Protein backbone atom coordinates (compact mmCIF):
# COMPACT_ATOMS: atom_id res chain seq x y z
CA MET A 1 -56.38 -32.92 5.94
CA ILE A 2 -53.41 -33.53 3.53
CA TYR A 3 -54.77 -35.60 0.46
CA ALA A 4 -52.10 -37.56 -1.03
CA ASP A 5 -54.24 -40.11 -3.09
CA ASN A 6 -54.38 -38.03 -6.40
CA ALA A 7 -54.10 -41.43 -8.37
CA ALA A 8 -57.32 -42.52 -7.10
CA THR A 9 -58.93 -39.21 -7.73
CA THR A 10 -58.12 -35.64 -8.02
CA LYS A 11 -59.77 -32.40 -7.14
CA LEU A 12 -62.11 -30.51 -9.22
CA ASP A 13 -60.30 -27.56 -10.71
CA SER A 14 -61.95 -24.27 -9.87
CA ASP A 15 -61.92 -22.96 -13.66
CA VAL A 16 -63.35 -26.33 -14.54
CA PHE A 17 -66.37 -26.03 -12.22
CA GLU A 18 -67.02 -22.60 -13.52
CA ALA A 19 -66.80 -23.78 -16.89
CA MET A 20 -69.51 -26.24 -16.19
CA LYS A 21 -71.92 -24.26 -14.24
CA PRO A 22 -73.66 -22.63 -17.26
CA PHE A 23 -74.63 -26.11 -18.68
CA PHE A 24 -76.37 -27.16 -15.57
CA MET A 25 -78.70 -24.19 -15.15
CA GLU A 26 -78.90 -22.12 -18.28
CA GLU A 27 -77.62 -23.93 -21.13
CA TYR A 28 -79.34 -27.38 -20.50
CA GLY A 29 -80.48 -28.17 -23.90
CA ASN A 30 -80.23 -31.55 -25.77
CA ALA A 31 -77.46 -31.23 -28.11
CA SER A 32 -79.26 -33.72 -30.55
CA GLN A 33 -82.25 -31.50 -30.60
CA PRO A 34 -82.15 -29.67 -34.30
CA TYR A 35 -84.15 -26.30 -32.55
CA SER A 36 -81.99 -22.94 -31.90
CA PHE A 37 -82.00 -23.69 -27.85
CA SER A 38 -79.57 -26.43 -28.43
CA ARG A 39 -77.12 -24.39 -30.72
CA VAL A 40 -75.28 -23.56 -27.69
CA THR A 41 -75.00 -27.01 -26.12
CA LYS A 42 -74.32 -28.50 -29.81
CA LYS A 43 -71.43 -25.96 -30.35
CA ALA A 44 -70.00 -26.95 -26.52
CA LEU A 45 -69.97 -30.53 -27.58
CA LYS A 46 -68.10 -29.87 -30.74
CA ASP A 47 -65.47 -27.66 -29.44
CA ALA A 48 -64.93 -29.97 -26.48
CA ARG A 49 -64.21 -32.68 -28.77
CA ALA A 50 -61.85 -30.74 -30.78
CA THR A 51 -60.16 -29.48 -27.61
CA ILE A 52 -59.59 -33.01 -26.34
CA ALA A 53 -58.45 -34.29 -30.05
CA ASP A 54 -55.77 -31.42 -29.79
CA CYS A 55 -54.50 -32.35 -26.59
CA ILE A 56 -53.81 -35.99 -27.58
CA GLY A 57 -52.91 -35.62 -31.40
CA ALA A 58 -56.02 -37.09 -32.66
CA LEU A 59 -58.74 -36.16 -34.90
CA SER A 60 -62.08 -34.68 -33.82
CA GLU A 61 -63.89 -37.60 -34.99
CA GLU A 62 -61.82 -40.30 -33.37
CA ILE A 63 -63.06 -38.99 -29.86
CA TYR A 64 -65.89 -40.66 -28.30
CA PHE A 65 -67.40 -39.80 -25.03
CA THR A 66 -67.66 -42.24 -22.26
CA SER A 67 -68.63 -42.41 -18.60
CA GLY A 68 -65.01 -43.11 -17.80
CA GLY A 69 -62.00 -45.52 -17.93
CA THR A 70 -63.93 -48.57 -17.02
CA GLU A 71 -66.43 -47.94 -19.45
CA SER A 72 -63.85 -47.22 -22.72
CA ASP A 73 -61.74 -50.26 -21.27
CA ASN A 74 -64.71 -52.68 -21.34
CA TRP A 75 -65.77 -51.13 -24.93
CA VAL A 76 -62.36 -51.91 -26.38
CA ILE A 77 -62.07 -55.52 -24.82
CA LYS A 78 -65.68 -56.45 -25.83
CA GLY A 79 -66.38 -54.55 -28.81
CA THR A 80 -63.35 -55.77 -30.86
CA MET A 81 -64.68 -59.48 -30.18
CA SER A 82 -66.58 -61.08 -33.17
CA TYR A 83 -68.70 -63.65 -33.15
CA GLY A 84 -67.08 -66.81 -34.06
CA ASP A 85 -63.72 -64.99 -34.23
CA HIS A 86 -61.88 -66.52 -31.49
CA ARG A 87 -58.37 -65.00 -31.84
CA VAL A 88 -56.48 -64.39 -28.73
CA VAL A 89 -56.44 -61.26 -26.65
CA VAL A 90 -52.95 -60.24 -25.06
CA THR A 91 -52.63 -58.23 -22.31
CA SER A 92 -50.43 -57.66 -19.09
CA ALA A 93 -50.95 -59.37 -15.61
CA PHE A 94 -50.63 -55.88 -14.00
CA GLU A 95 -53.42 -53.92 -15.66
CA HIS A 96 -56.25 -52.31 -13.99
CA HIS A 97 -59.19 -54.64 -13.18
CA ALA A 98 -61.24 -52.89 -15.64
CA VAL A 99 -59.22 -54.30 -18.25
CA LEU A 100 -58.50 -57.88 -16.49
CA HIS A 101 -61.82 -58.41 -15.50
CA ALA A 102 -63.43 -57.40 -18.95
CA CYS A 103 -60.86 -60.14 -20.05
CA GLU A 104 -61.98 -62.84 -17.83
CA HIS A 105 -65.86 -61.82 -18.88
CA ILE A 106 -65.14 -62.67 -22.59
CA LYS A 107 -63.01 -66.05 -21.54
CA GLN A 108 -66.37 -67.34 -20.36
CA PHE A 109 -67.54 -66.90 -24.27
CA GLY A 110 -64.58 -68.82 -25.71
CA TYR A 111 -62.15 -66.12 -26.12
CA PRO A 112 -58.50 -67.22 -25.61
CA ILE A 113 -56.62 -64.59 -23.18
CA LYS A 114 -52.82 -64.55 -22.84
CA TYR A 115 -51.13 -62.49 -20.16
CA VAL A 116 -47.37 -60.98 -20.75
CA TYR A 117 -45.69 -60.42 -17.24
CA PRO A 118 -43.63 -57.32 -16.76
CA ILE A 119 -39.92 -57.51 -15.49
CA LYS A 120 -39.21 -56.51 -11.68
CA ALA A 121 -38.43 -53.19 -12.73
CA GLY A 122 -42.10 -52.34 -13.45
CA PHE A 123 -42.29 -52.68 -17.47
CA VAL A 124 -43.50 -54.84 -20.11
CA ASN A 125 -40.61 -55.65 -22.02
CA PRO A 126 -41.12 -55.70 -25.76
CA GLU A 127 -39.45 -59.24 -25.83
CA ASN A 128 -41.92 -60.60 -23.31
CA LEU A 129 -44.77 -59.44 -25.47
CA ARG A 130 -42.92 -60.85 -28.66
CA SER A 131 -42.80 -64.42 -26.82
CA VAL A 132 -46.86 -64.71 -26.18
CA ILE A 133 -47.85 -62.86 -29.22
CA THR A 134 -48.81 -64.69 -32.56
CA ASP A 135 -50.53 -63.84 -35.96
CA GLN A 136 -53.40 -65.25 -34.10
CA THR A 137 -53.64 -62.34 -31.60
CA LYS A 138 -56.64 -60.03 -32.35
CA LEU A 139 -55.58 -57.45 -29.59
CA VAL A 140 -53.08 -56.53 -27.37
CA SER A 141 -53.76 -54.04 -24.25
CA VAL A 142 -51.12 -52.69 -22.30
CA MET A 143 -51.61 -49.52 -19.97
CA MET A 144 -49.44 -46.50 -20.44
CA VAL A 145 -49.11 -45.93 -16.82
CA ASN A 146 -49.59 -48.35 -13.99
CA ASN A 147 -51.63 -47.02 -11.52
CA GLU A 148 -50.09 -48.46 -8.47
CA ILE A 149 -46.35 -47.98 -8.97
CA GLY A 150 -46.27 -45.33 -11.83
CA THR A 151 -44.13 -46.84 -14.13
CA ILE A 152 -44.34 -45.45 -17.78
CA GLN A 153 -44.58 -48.23 -20.54
CA PRO A 154 -42.93 -48.31 -23.84
CA ILE A 155 -46.17 -48.15 -25.61
CA LYS A 156 -44.54 -47.25 -29.29
CA GLU A 157 -42.56 -50.09 -29.27
CA LEU A 158 -45.51 -52.64 -27.89
CA CYS A 159 -47.84 -50.95 -30.30
CA SER A 160 -45.55 -51.55 -33.50
CA LEU A 161 -45.01 -55.23 -32.38
CA ALA A 162 -48.50 -55.79 -32.26
CA HIS A 163 -49.20 -54.40 -35.46
CA GLU A 164 -46.31 -56.51 -37.28
CA HIS A 165 -48.37 -59.53 -35.88
CA GLY A 166 -51.86 -57.87 -37.48
CA ALA A 167 -53.53 -57.07 -33.96
CA LEU A 168 -55.00 -54.18 -32.90
CA PHE A 169 -53.60 -52.15 -30.03
CA HIS A 170 -55.09 -50.52 -26.96
CA THR A 171 -53.65 -48.81 -24.16
CA ASP A 172 -55.52 -47.70 -20.86
CA ALA A 173 -54.02 -44.40 -20.36
CA VAL A 174 -56.12 -43.43 -17.16
CA GLN A 175 -53.09 -42.21 -15.20
CA ALA A 176 -51.22 -41.01 -18.15
CA VAL A 177 -53.58 -38.39 -20.06
CA GLY A 178 -52.99 -34.71 -18.57
CA HIS A 179 -50.17 -35.83 -16.93
CA ILE A 180 -47.45 -36.61 -19.75
CA PRO A 181 -46.99 -35.81 -23.44
CA ILE A 182 -49.26 -38.15 -25.71
CA ASN A 183 -49.85 -38.05 -29.31
CA VAL A 184 -51.74 -40.97 -30.51
CA HIS A 185 -50.62 -40.89 -34.27
CA GLU A 186 -47.02 -40.87 -33.51
CA LEU A 187 -47.58 -43.85 -30.82
CA GLY A 188 -49.67 -45.61 -33.51
CA VAL A 189 -52.22 -46.79 -30.90
CA ASP A 190 -55.62 -48.05 -32.29
CA PHE A 191 -57.52 -47.17 -28.71
CA LEU A 192 -56.80 -45.13 -26.01
CA SER A 193 -58.93 -44.70 -22.78
CA SER A 194 -59.11 -42.02 -20.49
CA SER A 195 -60.83 -40.66 -17.48
CA ALA A 196 -61.44 -36.99 -16.52
CA HIS A 197 -61.42 -37.33 -12.52
CA LYS A 198 -57.59 -38.35 -12.82
CA PHE A 199 -56.81 -34.59 -14.14
CA ASN A 200 -58.65 -32.15 -12.08
CA GLY A 201 -61.97 -32.87 -13.98
CA PRO A 202 -65.32 -34.16 -13.05
CA LYS A 203 -66.19 -37.67 -12.02
CA GLY A 204 -68.26 -39.95 -14.36
CA ILE A 205 -67.17 -38.61 -17.47
CA GLY A 206 -64.09 -39.95 -20.00
CA PHE A 207 -63.58 -40.44 -23.79
CA LEU A 208 -62.41 -43.10 -25.85
CA TYR A 209 -59.78 -42.58 -28.66
CA ILE A 210 -60.57 -44.81 -31.53
CA CYS A 211 -58.21 -44.53 -34.48
CA LYS A 212 -59.91 -43.52 -37.85
CA GLY A 213 -60.62 -47.28 -39.80
CA ALA A 214 -60.05 -49.26 -36.47
CA GLU A 215 -62.79 -51.75 -36.44
CA ILE A 216 -64.95 -52.03 -33.26
CA GLU A 217 -68.57 -52.48 -32.34
CA SER A 218 -70.69 -49.89 -30.46
CA PHE A 219 -71.08 -50.38 -26.91
CA PHE A 220 -74.66 -48.89 -26.30
CA ASP A 221 -77.83 -49.31 -28.34
CA GLY A 222 -80.44 -46.50 -28.65
CA GLY A 223 -79.75 -43.29 -30.49
CA THR A 224 -77.31 -42.05 -32.69
CA GLN A 225 -75.17 -39.96 -30.41
CA GLU A 226 -71.37 -40.04 -30.76
CA PHE A 227 -71.42 -41.04 -34.57
CA GLY A 228 -73.82 -43.82 -33.87
CA MET A 229 -71.26 -45.50 -31.46
CA ARG A 230 -72.44 -44.89 -28.16
CA ALA A 231 -76.12 -44.30 -27.64
CA GLY A 232 -77.39 -41.94 -24.87
CA THR A 233 -77.71 -38.34 -24.36
CA GLU A 234 -74.49 -36.41 -24.02
CA ASN A 235 -73.27 -35.13 -20.58
CA ILE A 236 -72.39 -31.47 -21.80
CA ALA A 237 -71.74 -29.92 -18.48
CA SER A 238 -68.95 -32.90 -17.71
CA ILE A 239 -67.93 -32.76 -21.17
CA VAL A 240 -67.05 -29.45 -21.25
CA GLY A 241 -65.31 -29.62 -17.83
CA MET A 242 -63.16 -32.42 -18.92
CA ALA A 243 -62.08 -30.64 -22.05
CA VAL A 244 -61.13 -27.47 -19.51
CA ALA A 245 -59.46 -29.38 -17.44
CA LEU A 246 -57.31 -31.33 -19.98
CA LYS A 247 -56.26 -28.24 -21.78
CA LYS A 248 -55.29 -26.61 -18.55
CA ASN A 249 -53.03 -29.29 -17.29
CA CYS A 250 -51.60 -29.96 -20.77
CA SER A 251 -50.48 -26.35 -20.63
CA GLN A 252 -48.93 -26.85 -17.47
CA MET A 253 -47.58 -30.19 -17.68
CA GLU A 254 -44.07 -29.53 -17.60
CA GLU A 255 -44.07 -27.06 -14.71
CA ILE A 256 -46.19 -29.48 -12.58
CA GLY A 257 -44.19 -32.45 -13.46
CA THR A 258 -41.07 -30.90 -12.39
CA TYR A 259 -42.90 -29.56 -9.17
CA LEU A 260 -44.02 -33.02 -8.50
CA LEU A 261 -40.72 -34.33 -8.60
CA GLU A 262 -39.36 -32.12 -6.19
CA LEU A 263 -42.07 -33.21 -3.63
CA GLU A 264 -41.08 -36.62 -4.29
CA ASN A 265 -37.43 -35.99 -3.39
CA ILE A 266 -38.56 -34.15 -0.22
CA ILE A 267 -40.16 -37.64 0.89
CA LEU A 268 -37.55 -39.86 -0.30
CA GLY A 269 -34.77 -37.49 0.91
CA ALA A 270 -36.23 -37.36 4.61
CA LEU A 271 -36.67 -41.26 4.54
CA ASP A 272 -32.98 -42.07 3.24
CA ALA A 273 -31.83 -39.39 6.01
CA SER A 274 -33.63 -41.90 8.60
CA SER A 275 -32.82 -45.38 9.32
CA ILE A 276 -36.14 -46.64 7.89
CA VAL A 277 -35.79 -49.90 5.77
CA TYR A 278 -37.93 -49.63 2.63
CA ARG A 279 -38.09 -49.79 -0.91
CA ARG A 280 -39.49 -47.98 -3.98
CA ASN A 281 -41.26 -50.17 -6.27
CA GLY A 282 -40.83 -49.43 -10.01
CA GLU A 283 -37.78 -47.54 -11.83
CA ARG A 284 -37.86 -44.62 -14.17
CA PRO A 285 -39.44 -43.44 -16.09
CA HIS A 286 -42.34 -43.05 -13.84
CA ILE A 287 -45.23 -40.58 -13.62
CA PRO A 288 -44.26 -37.68 -11.42
CA GLY A 289 -45.69 -37.83 -7.95
CA ASN A 290 -46.64 -41.48 -7.66
CA LEU A 291 -44.81 -43.33 -4.92
CA SER A 292 -45.09 -46.83 -4.09
CA LEU A 293 -43.30 -47.46 -0.99
CA SER A 294 -43.01 -50.83 1.07
CA PHE A 295 -41.84 -51.08 4.21
CA LYS A 296 -40.48 -53.97 5.83
CA GLY A 297 -42.30 -55.75 8.57
CA PHE A 298 -45.45 -53.50 8.57
CA GLU A 299 -48.90 -54.10 7.19
CA GLY A 300 -50.07 -51.32 4.52
CA GLU A 301 -53.40 -51.04 6.07
CA MET A 302 -52.04 -50.43 9.35
CA LEU A 303 -49.92 -47.50 7.70
CA LEU A 304 -53.15 -46.15 6.00
CA HIS A 305 -54.95 -45.76 9.23
CA ARG A 306 -52.33 -44.55 11.32
CA LEU A 307 -51.90 -41.95 8.49
CA ASP A 308 -55.37 -41.34 8.43
CA LEU A 309 -55.48 -40.32 12.29
CA MET A 310 -52.81 -38.05 11.73
CA GLY A 311 -54.81 -36.31 8.87
CA ILE A 312 -52.55 -37.86 5.86
CA MET A 313 -54.96 -39.66 3.21
CA VAL A 314 -52.78 -42.37 1.02
CA SER A 315 -53.84 -45.66 -0.46
CA THR A 316 -52.55 -49.19 0.14
CA GLY A 317 -52.45 -49.94 -3.42
CA SER A 318 -54.81 -49.12 -6.26
CA ALA A 319 -57.92 -47.52 -5.30
CA CYS A 320 -60.19 -50.54 -6.13
CA ASP A 321 -57.82 -52.85 -4.11
CA SER A 322 -57.84 -50.22 -0.65
CA LYS A 323 -59.80 -52.82 1.26
CA ASN A 324 -57.69 -55.59 0.77
CA THR A 325 -55.07 -56.73 2.80
CA ARG A 326 -53.34 -59.40 0.43
CA ILE A 327 -50.74 -58.39 -1.62
CA SER A 328 -51.92 -56.70 -4.75
CA HIS A 329 -51.63 -58.43 -8.09
CA VAL A 330 -49.62 -55.55 -9.58
CA LEU A 331 -46.91 -56.28 -6.89
CA ARG A 332 -47.16 -60.07 -7.39
CA ALA A 333 -46.46 -59.26 -10.99
CA ILE A 334 -43.33 -57.68 -10.40
CA GLY A 335 -42.08 -60.29 -7.99
CA VAL A 336 -41.97 -57.86 -4.91
CA ASP A 337 -40.64 -59.81 -1.88
CA GLU A 338 -43.64 -60.54 0.52
CA ALA A 339 -42.08 -59.33 3.49
CA TYR A 340 -41.98 -55.66 1.58
CA ALA A 341 -45.25 -56.12 -0.15
CA LEU A 342 -47.35 -56.37 2.79
CA GLY A 343 -46.41 -52.97 4.22
CA THR A 344 -47.02 -51.40 0.70
CA ILE A 345 -48.49 -48.02 0.55
CA ARG A 346 -48.85 -45.47 -2.46
CA ILE A 347 -48.45 -41.74 -2.08
CA SER A 348 -49.76 -39.87 -5.06
CA LEU A 349 -49.12 -36.28 -5.14
CA GLY A 350 -50.96 -33.55 -7.05
CA LYS A 351 -50.44 -30.02 -8.11
CA ASP A 352 -52.39 -28.83 -4.96
CA ASN A 353 -49.85 -30.39 -2.58
CA THR A 354 -47.19 -28.17 -0.91
CA ARG A 355 -43.76 -28.38 -0.17
CA GLU A 356 -44.66 -28.29 3.45
CA GLU A 357 -47.14 -31.38 3.22
CA ALA A 358 -44.50 -33.44 1.53
CA LYS A 359 -42.38 -32.52 4.75
CA LYS A 360 -45.13 -33.36 7.03
CA ILE A 361 -45.93 -36.90 5.13
CA ALA A 362 -42.22 -38.10 5.57
CA GLU A 363 -42.18 -37.10 9.28
CA ALA A 364 -45.31 -38.71 9.81
CA LEU A 365 -44.00 -42.08 8.45
CA ILE A 366 -40.53 -41.60 10.16
CA LYS A 367 -42.69 -41.07 13.61
CA ILE A 368 -45.20 -44.09 12.97
CA MET A 369 -41.77 -46.29 12.30
CA SER A 370 -40.07 -45.24 15.20
CA MET A 371 -43.02 -45.79 17.46
CA HIS A 372 -43.40 -49.21 16.24
CA GLU A 373 -39.38 -49.84 17.10
CA ASN A 374 -40.12 -48.67 20.45
């Protein structure tokens, strides 16, 4: 099997697994308890928070553990809305559904939503944001890296513009954390969402960065965990695993990024050398290893299944859209021609992929295309 859907989820790193094991079987104490058996878990929780904060340039007290990116996104969208304060939320038209659906939810309760559209190259242009933001904007939410086409958004500029109008700024960085350098204080963001399983950590755990002083309501009611902001006994094993995964990926980031670009070029070079008609969606800068490719006259679902039969796993778009044959909202937002958009697949490579696998992916695509022509 060749797994090339790393934007959907990644393989758990073996070092991460080893770091997690003691907290399943031996050090299973509740970190909130005052007795001696909880000292190890309490320290592990503190150390993991500090590690994650260090990786993104934050303070330890600005890191809040959640179940993942979806919860973190929902927490920001819903937690920054105040009763009776119906100022506007601005978000981009090609956000992940965790943001878009959360916005649709609060819209039912009278909170206005405005959308900013990306340019065809796959970026939210600050000038486009300027055309919809006003002093009545409460929150701006724009993802750091688009999950389907991999384009890296100009977050610092967008954040600065939001702050000029007195608005808070949130970025869904699920596809970015652990893959590109991030310093939240330099960017100026108020909130940042992340999910461990996107950077070789465990599923079901993530974090939300909340800038010190940013106003947001607690999401869960109950105990006083997470500085009284997110009730529920902490998942220590997964939190430890997330911290180990993030630290390891950040330490290898430049090396892995260069390697993934090499794998990209193997695939693109082979396609370019053939007579296949295709286009890549989204221009640079993009996340290394993410290839959104559209093939004219084909259907993405057909390509996915043909590749699956050949032992190659890819996606037709974002993971939550993988069962749909309609054109994704991301491709519509950037104006991809329908003849191409219907034949779109996403190949997302990871550090465990090999050069030989990249060659086989390209060969498989060329074979499928040639069979279709015959």
